[in-house]
PDB file of N, CA and C in Angstrom:
ATOM      1  N   MET A   1    -104.127 242.203  62.965  1.00  0.00           N
ATOM      2  CA  MET A   1    -103.639 242.539  61.650  1.00  0.00           C
ATOM      3  C   MET A   1    -103.447 241.268  60.826  1.00  0.00           C
ATOM      4  N   ALA A   2    -103.881 241.300  59.609  1.00  0.00           N
ATOM      5  CA  ALA A   2    -103.742 240.155  58.728  1.00  0.00           C
ATOM      6  C   ALA A   2    -102.349 240.171  58.096  1.00  0.00           C
ATOM      7  N   GLU A   3    -101.783 238.992  58.012  1.00  0.00           N
ATOM      8  CA  GLU A   3    -100.472 238.874  57.381  1.00  0.00           C
ATOM      9  C   GLU A   3    -100.651 238.509  55.922  1.00  0.00           C
ATOM     10  N   ASN A   4     -99.713 238.901  55.095  1.00  0.00           N
ATOM     11  CA  ASN A   4     -99.783 238.597  53.677  1.00  0.00           C
ATOM     12  C   ASN A   4     -99.343 237.178  53.361  1.00  0.00           C
ATOM     13  N   LYS A   5     -98.506 236.598  54.226  1.00  0.00           N
ATOM     14  CA  LYS A   5     -98.036 235.254  53.931  1.00  0.00           C
ATOM     15  C   LYS A   5     -99.184 234.259  54.086  1.00  0.00           C
ATOM     16  N   GLU A   6     -99.174 233.249  53.240  1.00  0.00           N
ATOM     17  CA  GLU A   6    -100.237 232.247  53.252  1.00  0.00           C
ATOM     18  C   GLU A   6     -99.995 231.253  54.375  1.00  0.00           C
ATOM     19  N   SER A   7    -101.005 231.027  55.183  1.00  0.00           N
ATOM     20  CA  SER A   7    -100.858 230.034  56.245  1.00  0.00           C
ATOM     21  C   SER A   7    -100.921 228.647  55.619  1.00  0.00           C
ATOM     22  N   GLY A   8    -100.534 227.652  56.397  1.00  0.00           N
ATOM     23  CA  GLY A   8    -100.474 226.295  55.884  1.00  0.00           C
ATOM     24  C   GLY A   8    -101.835 225.690  55.626  1.00  0.00           C
ATOM     25  N   LYS A   9    -101.793 224.472  55.165  1.00  0.00           N
ATOM     26  CA  LYS A   9    -103.015 223.715  54.891  1.00  0.00           C
ATOM     27  C   LYS A   9    -102.982 222.448  55.739  1.00  0.00           C
ATOM     28  N   LEU A  10    -104.152 221.934  56.037  1.00  0.00           N
ATOM     29  CA  LEU A  10    -104.286 220.704  56.796  1.00  0.00           C
ATOM     30  C   LEU A  10    -105.019 219.670  55.961  1.00  0.00           C
ATOM     31  N   LYS A  11    -104.478 218.465  55.936  1.00  0.00           N
ATOM     32  CA  LYS A  11    -105.139 217.345  55.266  1.00  0.00           C
ATOM     33  C   LYS A  11    -105.872 216.566  56.349  1.00  0.00           C
ATOM     34  N   ILE A  12    -107.197 216.535  56.275  1.00  0.00           N
ATOM     35  CA  ILE A  12    -108.031 215.939  57.307  1.00  0.00           C
ATOM     36  C   ILE A  12    -108.723 214.715  56.731  1.00  0.00           C
ATOM     37  N   THR A  13    -108.567 213.573  57.403  1.00  0.00           N
ATOM     38  CA  THR A  13    -109.166 212.318  56.968  1.00  0.00           C
ATOM     39  C   THR A  13    -110.074 211.791  58.062  1.00  0.00           C
ATOM     40  N   GLN A  14    -111.273 211.392  57.678  1.00  0.00           N
ATOM     41  CA  GLN A  14    -112.196 210.786  58.638  1.00  0.00           C
ATOM     42  C   GLN A  14    -111.834 209.310  58.768  1.00  0.00           C
ATOM     43  N   VAL A  15    -111.468 208.874  59.984  1.00  0.00           N
ATOM     44  CA  VAL A  15    -111.041 207.496  60.196  1.00  0.00           C
ATOM     45  C   VAL A  15    -112.058 206.682  60.997  1.00  0.00           C
ATOM     46  N   LYS A  16    -113.059 207.364  61.556  1.00  0.00           N
ATOM     47  CA  LYS A  16    -114.068 206.688  62.353  1.00  0.00           C
ATOM     48  C   LYS A  16    -115.435 207.247  61.991  1.00  0.00           C
ATOM     49  N   SER A  17    -116.456 206.410  62.062  1.00  0.00           N
ATOM     50  CA  SER A  17    -117.797 206.832  61.714  1.00  0.00           C
ATOM     51  C   SER A  17    -118.396 207.730  62.785  1.00  0.00           C
ATOM     52  N   GLY A  18    -119.266 208.627  62.366  1.00  0.00           N
ATOM     53  CA  GLY A  18    -119.963 209.504  63.295  1.00  0.00           C
ATOM     54  C   GLY A  18    -121.190 208.862  63.916  1.00  0.00           C
ATOM     55  N   ILE A  19    -121.521 207.650  63.486  1.00  0.00           N
ATOM     56  CA  ILE A  19    -122.696 206.955  64.015  1.00  0.00           C
ATOM     57  C   ILE A  19    -122.476 206.649  65.489  1.00  0.00           C
ATOM     58  N   GLY A  20    -123.478 206.961  66.291  1.00  0.00           N
ATOM     59  CA  GLY A  20    -123.411 206.687  67.714  1.00  0.00           C
ATOM     60  C   GLY A  20    -122.835 207.823  68.534  1.00  0.00           C
ATOM     61  N   TYR A  21    -122.387 208.886  67.883  1.00  0.00           N
ATOM     62  CA  TYR A  21    -121.861 210.039  68.586  1.00  0.00           C
ATOM     63  C   TYR A  21    -122.901 211.153  68.597  1.00  0.00           C
ATOM     64  N   HIS A  22    -122.673 212.151  69.420  1.00  0.00           N
ATOM     65  CA  HIS A  22    -123.596 213.263  69.566  1.00  0.00           C
ATOM     66  C   HIS A  22    -123.812 213.964  68.227  1.00  0.00           C
ATOM     67  N   HIS A  23    -124.992 214.525  68.024  1.00  0.00           N
ATOM     68  CA  HIS A  23    -125.309 215.155  66.740  1.00  0.00           C
ATOM     69  C   HIS A  23    -124.386 216.329  66.429  1.00  0.00           C
ATOM     70  N   THR A  24    -123.819 216.966  67.448  1.00  0.00           N
ATOM     71  CA  THR A  24    -122.885 218.071  67.158  1.00  0.00           C
ATOM     72  C   THR A  24    -121.602 217.550  66.513  1.00  0.00           C
ATOM     73  N   ALA A  25    -121.197 216.325  66.854  1.00  0.00           N
ATOM     74  CA  ALA A  25    -120.020 215.727  66.213  1.00  0.00           C
ATOM     75  C   ALA A  25    -120.313 215.476  64.737  1.00  0.00           C
ATOM     76  N   LYS A  26    -121.499 215.007  64.430  1.00  0.00           N
ATOM     77  CA  LYS A  26    -121.881 214.753  63.037  1.00  0.00           C
ATOM     78  C   LYS A  26    -121.943 216.060  62.248  1.00  0.00           C
ATOM     79  N   LYS A  27    -122.500 217.100  62.868  1.00  0.00           N
ATOM     80  CA  LYS A  27    -122.585 218.405  62.201  1.00  0.00           C
ATOM     81  C   LYS A  27    -121.196 218.989  61.955  1.00  0.00           C
ATOM     82  N   THR A  28    -120.268 218.749  62.881  1.00  0.00           N
ATOM     83  CA  THR A  28    -118.902 219.240  62.718  1.00  0.00           C
ATOM     84  C   THR A  28    -118.205 218.519  61.576  1.00  0.00           C
ATOM     85  N   LEU A  29    -118.435 217.215  61.430  1.00  0.00           N
ATOM     86  CA  LEU A  29    -117.878 216.478  60.291  1.00  0.00           C
ATOM     87  C   LEU A  29    -118.361 217.083  58.983  1.00  0.00           C
ATOM     88  N   ILE A  30    -119.645 217.362  58.899  1.00  0.00           N
ATOM     89  CA  ILE A  30    -120.207 217.940  57.680  1.00  0.00           C
ATOM     90  C   ILE A  30    -119.630 219.335  57.438  1.00  0.00           C
ATOM     91  N   ALA A  31    -119.466 220.114  58.497  1.00  0.00           N
ATOM     92  CA  ALA A  31    -118.900 221.465  58.357  1.00  0.00           C
ATOM     93  C   ALA A  31    -117.469 221.419  57.841  1.00  0.00           C
ATOM     94  N   LEU A  32    -116.743 220.367  58.188  1.00  0.00           N
ATOM     95  CA  LEU A  32    -115.372 220.212  57.685  1.00  0.00           C
ATOM     96  C   LEU A  32    -115.351 219.704  56.242  1.00  0.00           C
ATOM     97  N   GLY A  33    -116.496 219.262  55.732  1.00  0.00           N
ATOM     98  CA  GLY A  33    -116.571 218.758  54.358  1.00  0.00           C
ATOM     99  C   GLY A  33    -116.432 217.257  54.269  1.00  0.00           C
ATOM    100  N   LEU A  34    -116.546 216.569  55.385  1.00  0.00           N
ATOM    101  CA  LEU A  34    -116.401 215.116  55.408  1.00  0.00           C
ATOM    102  C   LEU A  34    -117.776 214.459  55.444  1.00  0.00           C
ATOM    103  N   ARG A  35    -117.999 213.529  54.526  1.00  0.00           N
ATOM    104  CA  ARG A  35    -119.285 212.871  54.462  1.00  0.00           C
ATOM    105  C   ARG A  35    -119.185 211.349  54.490  1.00  0.00           C
ATOM    106  N   LYS A  36    -118.023 210.806  54.207  1.00  0.00           N
ATOM    107  CA  LYS A  36    -117.837 209.356  54.159  1.00  0.00           C
ATOM    108  C   LYS A  36    -116.575 208.960  54.922  1.00  0.00           C
ATOM    109  N   MET A  37    -116.532 207.711  55.334  1.00  0.00           N
ATOM    110  CA  MET A  37    -115.339 207.164  55.973  1.00  0.00           C
ATOM    111  C   MET A  37    -114.159 207.213  54.997  1.00  0.00           C
ATOM    112  N   HIS A  38    -112.989 207.491  55.496  1.00  0.00           N
ATOM    113  CA  HIS A  38    -111.731 207.527  54.743  1.00  0.00           C
ATOM    114  C   HIS A  38    -111.710 208.606  53.669  1.00  0.00           C
ATOM    115  N   GLN A  39    -112.638 209.541  53.725  1.00  0.00           N
ATOM    116  CA  GLN A  39    -112.613 210.685  52.826  1.00  0.00           C
ATOM    117  C   GLN A  39    -111.604 211.695  53.361  1.00  0.00           C
ATOM    118  N   THR A  40    -110.876 212.331  52.457  1.00  0.00           N
ATOM    119  CA  THR A  40    -109.870 213.310  52.836  1.00  0.00           C
ATOM    120  C   THR A  40    -110.206 214.655  52.219  1.00  0.00           C
ATOM    121  N   VAL A  41    -110.071 215.715  53.009  1.00  0.00           N
ATOM    122  CA  VAL A  41    -110.250 217.079  52.525  1.00  0.00           C
ATOM    123  C   VAL A  41    -109.049 217.906  52.941  1.00  0.00           C
ATOM    124  N   VAL A  42    -108.778 218.953  52.183  1.00  0.00           N
ATOM    125  CA  VAL A  42    -107.701 219.887  52.530  1.00  0.00           C
ATOM    126  C   VAL A  42    -108.354 221.194  52.922  1.00  0.00           C
ATOM    127  N   GLN A  43    -108.060 221.656  54.123  1.00  0.00           N
ATOM    128  CA  GLN A  43    -108.636 222.880  54.660  1.00  0.00           C
ATOM    129  C   GLN A  43    -107.504 223.825  55.060  1.00  0.00           C
ATOM    130  N   PRO A  44    -107.774 225.123  55.078  1.00  0.00           N
ATOM    131  CA  PRO A  44    -106.746 226.066  55.540  1.00  0.00           C
ATOM    132  C   PRO A  44    -106.490 225.891  57.034  1.00  0.00           C
ATOM    133  N   ASP A  45    -105.269 226.163  57.441  1.00  0.00           N
ATOM    134  CA  ASP A  45    -104.892 226.037  58.848  1.00  0.00           C
ATOM    135  C   ASP A  45    -105.196 227.359  59.550  1.00  0.00           C
ATOM    136  N   ASN A  46    -106.383 227.435  60.147  1.00  0.00           N
ATOM    137  CA  ASN A  46    -106.755 228.631  60.895  1.00  0.00           C
ATOM    138  C   ASN A  46    -107.433 228.226  62.198  1.00  0.00           C
ATOM    139  N   ALA A  47    -107.743 229.193  63.013  1.00  0.00           N
ATOM    140  CA  ALA A  47    -108.288 228.922  64.343  1.00  0.00           C
ATOM    141  C   ALA A  47    -109.646 228.225  64.288  1.00  0.00           C
ATOM    142  N   ALA A  48    -110.485 228.577  63.339  1.00  0.00           N
ATOM    143  CA  ALA A  48    -111.817 227.969  63.242  1.00  0.00           C
ATOM    144  C   ALA A  48    -111.713 226.481  62.909  1.00  0.00           C
ATOM    145  N   ILE A  49    -110.881 226.150  61.945  1.00  0.00           N
ATOM    146  CA  ILE A  49    -110.710 224.748  61.549  1.00  0.00           C
ATOM    147  C   ILE A  49    -110.053 223.972  62.678  1.00  0.00           C
ATOM    148  N   ARG A  50    -109.032 224.560  63.322  1.00  0.00           N
ATOM    149  CA  ARG A  50    -108.375 223.897  64.452  1.00  0.00           C
ATOM    150  C   ARG A  50    -109.368 223.608  65.574  1.00  0.00           C
ATOM    151  N   GLY A  51    -110.291 224.532  65.826  1.00  0.00           N
ATOM    152  CA  GLY A  51    -111.296 224.334  66.863  1.00  0.00           C
ATOM    153  C   GLY A  51    -112.223 223.180  66.538  1.00  0.00           C
ATOM    154  N   MET A  52    -112.636 223.077  65.269  1.00  0.00           N
ATOM    155  CA  MET A  52    -113.495 221.959  64.861  1.00  0.00           C
ATOM    156  C   MET A  52    -112.753 220.631  64.990  1.00  0.00           C
ATOM    157  N   ILE A  53    -111.482 220.624  64.602  1.00  0.00           N
ATOM    158  CA  ILE A  53    -110.671 219.409  64.707  1.00  0.00           C
ATOM    159  C   ILE A  53    -110.527 219.002  66.171  1.00  0.00           C
ATOM    160  N   PHE A  54    -110.264 219.971  67.039  1.00  0.00           N
ATOM    161  CA  PHE A  54    -110.104 219.685  68.462  1.00  0.00           C
ATOM    162  C   PHE A  54    -111.371 219.080  69.058  1.00  0.00           C
ATOM    163  N   LYS A  55    -112.513 219.528  68.588  1.00  0.00           N
ATOM    164  CA  LYS A  55    -113.789 219.057  69.118  1.00  0.00           C
ATOM    165  C   LYS A  55    -114.050 217.594  68.779  1.00  0.00           C
ATOM    166  N   ILE A  56    -113.606 217.134  67.601  1.00  0.00           N
ATOM    167  CA  ILE A  56    -113.876 215.750  67.192  1.00  0.00           C
ATOM    168  C   ILE A  56    -112.589 215.026  66.787  1.00  0.00           C
ATOM    169  N   ASP A  57    -111.501 215.272  67.508  1.00  0.00           N
ATOM    170  CA  ASP A  57    -110.216 214.676  67.150  1.00  0.00           C
ATOM    171  C   ASP A  57    -110.231 213.150  67.195  1.00  0.00           C
ATOM    172  N   TYR A  58    -111.148 212.546  67.932  1.00  0.00           N
ATOM    173  CA  TYR A  58    -111.240 211.091  68.033  1.00  0.00           C
ATOM    174  C   TYR A  58    -111.811 210.456  66.761  1.00  0.00           C
ATOM    175  N   LEU A  59    -112.327 211.259  65.837  1.00  0.00           N
ATOM    176  CA  LEU A  59    -112.871 210.745  64.586  1.00  0.00           C
ATOM    177  C   LEU A  59    -111.951 211.017  63.385  1.00  0.00           C
ATOM    178  N   LEU A  60    -110.868 211.760  63.612  1.00  0.00           N
ATOM    179  CA  LEU A  60    -110.068 212.281  62.499  1.00  0.00           C
ATOM    180  C   LEU A  60    -108.598 211.919  62.595  1.00  0.00           C
ATOM    181  N   LYS A  61    -107.949 211.981  61.433  1.00  0.00           N
ATOM    182  CA  LYS A  61    -106.494 211.958  61.334  1.00  0.00           C
ATOM    183  C   LYS A  61    -106.099 213.231  60.611  1.00  0.00           C
ATOM    184  N   VAL A  62    -105.179 213.986  61.177  1.00  0.00           N
ATOM    185  CA  VAL A  62    -104.815 215.298  60.620  1.00  0.00           C
ATOM    186  C   VAL A  62    -103.322 215.311  60.302  1.00  0.00           C
ATOM    187  N   GLU A  63    -103.001 215.829  59.102  1.00  0.00           N
ATOM    188  CA  GLU A  63    -101.608 215.980  58.679  1.00  0.00           C
ATOM    189  C   GLU A  63    -101.433 217.386  58.130  1.00  0.00           C
ATOM    190  N   GLU A  64    -100.258 217.971  58.338  1.00  0.00           N
ATOM    191  CA  GLU A  64     -99.958 219.266  57.731  1.00  0.00           C
ATOM    192  C   GLU A  64     -99.464 219.041  56.304  1.00  0.00           C
ATOM    193  N   VAL A  65     -99.905 219.910  55.395  1.00  0.00           N
ATOM    194  CA  VAL A  65     -99.497 219.785  53.997  1.00  0.00           C
ATOM    195  C   VAL A  65     -98.453 220.830  53.698  1.00  0.00           C
TER     196      VAL A  65
END
């Protein structure tokens, strides 16, 4: 069941380059909306985004907004 309350947001910053890592890590960065070093995006806090973050947590810095 979907809840009416709005879930939180996550501020995701790329802190490390995707160069030299597996191509799936690079594709995950692009899927999150990150294309450059030190770029920050705000994404909704849901299971899909959390899964992508978990997969490449060594390239990211994540903060709750």
